[in-house]
Amino acid sequence: MREQWDEYMRAYEDAITRCNTPWAPWYIIPANKKWYRNLVVSRILVETLESLKMRFPEPEPGLEDVVIPD
């Protein structure tokens, strides 16, 4: 394994470089500490969702008289 390490690292870097795109980014997350891994993943998810600037659609006109029974 050690004799192929340099080749492995070149292939790894090539995969990250070619597959990482602006519309589908890749993140390298350290996983040796679970709490830190979870923090990093959570922050990426929150930032990504906030960047989408999602909002509820405007209601259709005339819905103010609709009653949903209990």
C-alpha atoms as a PDB file:
ATOM      1  CA  MET A   1       0.000   0.000   0.000  1.00  0.00           C
ATOM      2  CA  ARG A   2       2.706   2.476   0.913  1.00  0.00           C
ATOM      3  CA  GLU A   3       4.479   2.082  -2.419  1.00  0.00           C
ATOM      4  CA  GLN A   4       1.279   3.266  -4.179  1.00  0.00           C
ATOM      5  CA  TRP A   5       0.536   6.144  -1.806  1.00  0.00           C
ATOM      6  CA  ASP A   6       1.608   8.924  -4.188  1.00  0.00           C
ATOM      7  CA  GLU A   7      -0.473   7.453  -7.001  1.00  0.00           C
ATOM      8  CA  TYR A   8      -3.440   7.090  -4.658  1.00  0.00           C
ATOM      9  CA  MET A   9      -3.169  10.731  -3.538  1.00  0.00           C
ATOM     10  CA  ARG A  10      -3.009  11.949  -7.153  1.00  0.00           C
ATOM     11  CA  ALA A  11      -6.155   9.946  -7.997  1.00  0.00           C
ATOM     12  CA  TYR A  12      -7.895  11.272  -4.859  1.00  0.00           C
ATOM     13  CA  GLU A  13      -7.058  14.890  -5.688  1.00  0.00           C
ATOM     14  CA  ASP A  14      -8.090  14.357  -9.309  1.00  0.00           C
ATOM     15  CA  ALA A  15     -11.490  12.968  -8.248  1.00  0.00           C
ATOM     16  CA  ILE A  16     -12.112  15.860  -5.853  1.00  0.00           C
ATOM     17  CA  THR A  17     -11.054  18.435  -8.443  1.00  0.00           C
ATOM     18  CA  ARG A  18     -13.088  17.008 -11.331  1.00  0.00           C
ATOM     19  CA  CYS A  19     -16.261  16.204  -9.372  1.00  0.00           C
ATOM     20  CA  ASN A  20     -16.447  19.417  -7.335  1.00  0.00           C
ATOM     21  CA  THR A  21     -18.677  21.882  -9.191  1.00  0.00           C
ATOM     22  CA  PRO A  22     -20.391  25.152  -8.198  1.00  0.00           C
ATOM     23  CA  TRP A  23     -23.823  23.491  -8.397  1.00  0.00           C
ATOM     24  CA  ALA A  24     -22.712  20.301  -6.614  1.00  0.00           C
ATOM     25  CA  PRO A  25     -19.782  21.113  -4.326  1.00  0.00           C
ATOM     26  CA  TRP A  26     -17.858  18.476  -2.420  1.00  0.00           C
ATOM     27  CA  TYR A  27     -16.716  19.019   1.138  1.00  0.00           C
ATOM     28  CA  ILE A  28     -13.871  17.248   2.862  1.00  0.00           C
ATOM     29  CA  ILE A  29     -15.044  16.689   6.419  1.00  0.00           C
ATOM     30  CA  PRO A  30     -12.699  15.522   9.164  1.00  0.00           C
ATOM     31  CA  ALA A  31     -14.285  12.508  10.853  1.00  0.00           C
ATOM     32  CA  ASN A  32     -11.900  11.652  13.674  1.00  0.00           C
ATOM     33  CA  LYS A  33     -14.021  13.615  16.193  1.00  0.00           C
ATOM     34  CA  LYS A  34     -17.752  12.923  15.869  1.00  0.00           C
ATOM     35  CA  TRP A  35     -18.876  16.154  17.549  1.00  0.00           C
ATOM     36  CA  TYR A  36     -16.742  18.244  15.187  1.00  0.00           C
ATOM     37  CA  ARG A  37     -17.868  16.269  12.127  1.00  0.00           C
ATOM     38  CA  ASN A  38     -21.499  16.824  13.125  1.00  0.00           C
ATOM     39  CA  LEU A  39     -20.885  20.535  13.683  1.00  0.00           C
ATOM     40  CA  VAL A  40     -19.250  20.988  10.260  1.00  0.00           C
ATOM     41  CA  VAL A  41     -21.992  19.065   8.437  1.00  0.00           C
ATOM     42  CA  SER A  42     -24.707  21.006  10.291  1.00  0.00           C
ATOM     43  CA  ARG A  43     -23.150  24.358   9.405  1.00  0.00           C
ATOM     44  CA  ILE A  44     -22.838  23.400   5.735  1.00  0.00           C
ATOM     45  CA  LEU A  45     -26.496  22.317   5.662  1.00  0.00           C
ATOM     46  CA  VAL A  46     -27.725  25.498   7.352  1.00  0.00           C
ATOM     47  CA  GLU A  47     -25.666  27.772   5.096  1.00  0.00           C
ATOM     48  CA  THR A  48     -26.799  25.905   1.985  1.00  0.00           C
ATOM     49  CA  LEU A  49     -30.475  26.025   2.940  1.00  0.00           C
ATOM     50  CA  GLU A  50     -30.272  29.724   3.869  1.00  0.00           C
ATOM     51  CA  SER A  51     -28.607  30.518   0.529  1.00  0.00           C
ATOM     52  CA  LEU A  52     -31.642  29.093  -1.289  1.00  0.00           C
ATOM     53  CA  LYS A  53     -33.737  31.979   0.126  1.00  0.00           C
ATOM     54  CA  MET A  54     -36.847  29.818   0.126  1.00  0.00           C
ATOM     55  CA  ARG A  55     -40.187  31.329   1.075  1.00  0.00           C
ATOM     56  CA  PHE A  56     -43.788  30.271   1.152  1.00  0.00           C
ATOM     57  CA  PRO A  57     -45.742  31.144  -1.995  1.00  0.00           C
ATOM     58  CA  GLU A  58     -48.329  33.901  -1.818  1.00  0.00           C
ATOM     59  CA  PRO A  59     -51.835  32.536  -1.172  1.00  0.00           C
ATOM     60  CA  GLU A  60     -54.341  32.512  -3.976  1.00  0.00           C
ATOM     61  CA  PRO A  61     -56.993  35.234  -3.871  1.00  0.00           C
ATOM     62  CA  GLY A  62     -60.272  34.296  -2.211  1.00  0.00           C
ATOM     63  CA  LEU A  63     -58.903  31.872   0.351  1.00  0.00           C
ATOM     64  CA  GLU A  64     -59.683  34.106   3.321  1.00  0.00           C
ATOM     65  CA  ASP A  65     -63.211  32.603   3.537  1.00  0.00           C
ATOM     66  CA  VAL A  66     -62.022  28.984   3.574  1.00  0.00           C
ATOM     67  CA  VAL A  67     -62.580  27.265   6.907  1.00  0.00           C
ATOM     68  CA  ILE A  68     -60.829  24.003   7.785  1.00  0.00           C
ATOM     69  CA  PRO A  69     -62.907  22.095  10.329  1.00  0.00           C
ATOM     70  CA  ASP A  70     -61.283  20.664  13.436  1.00  0.00           C
END
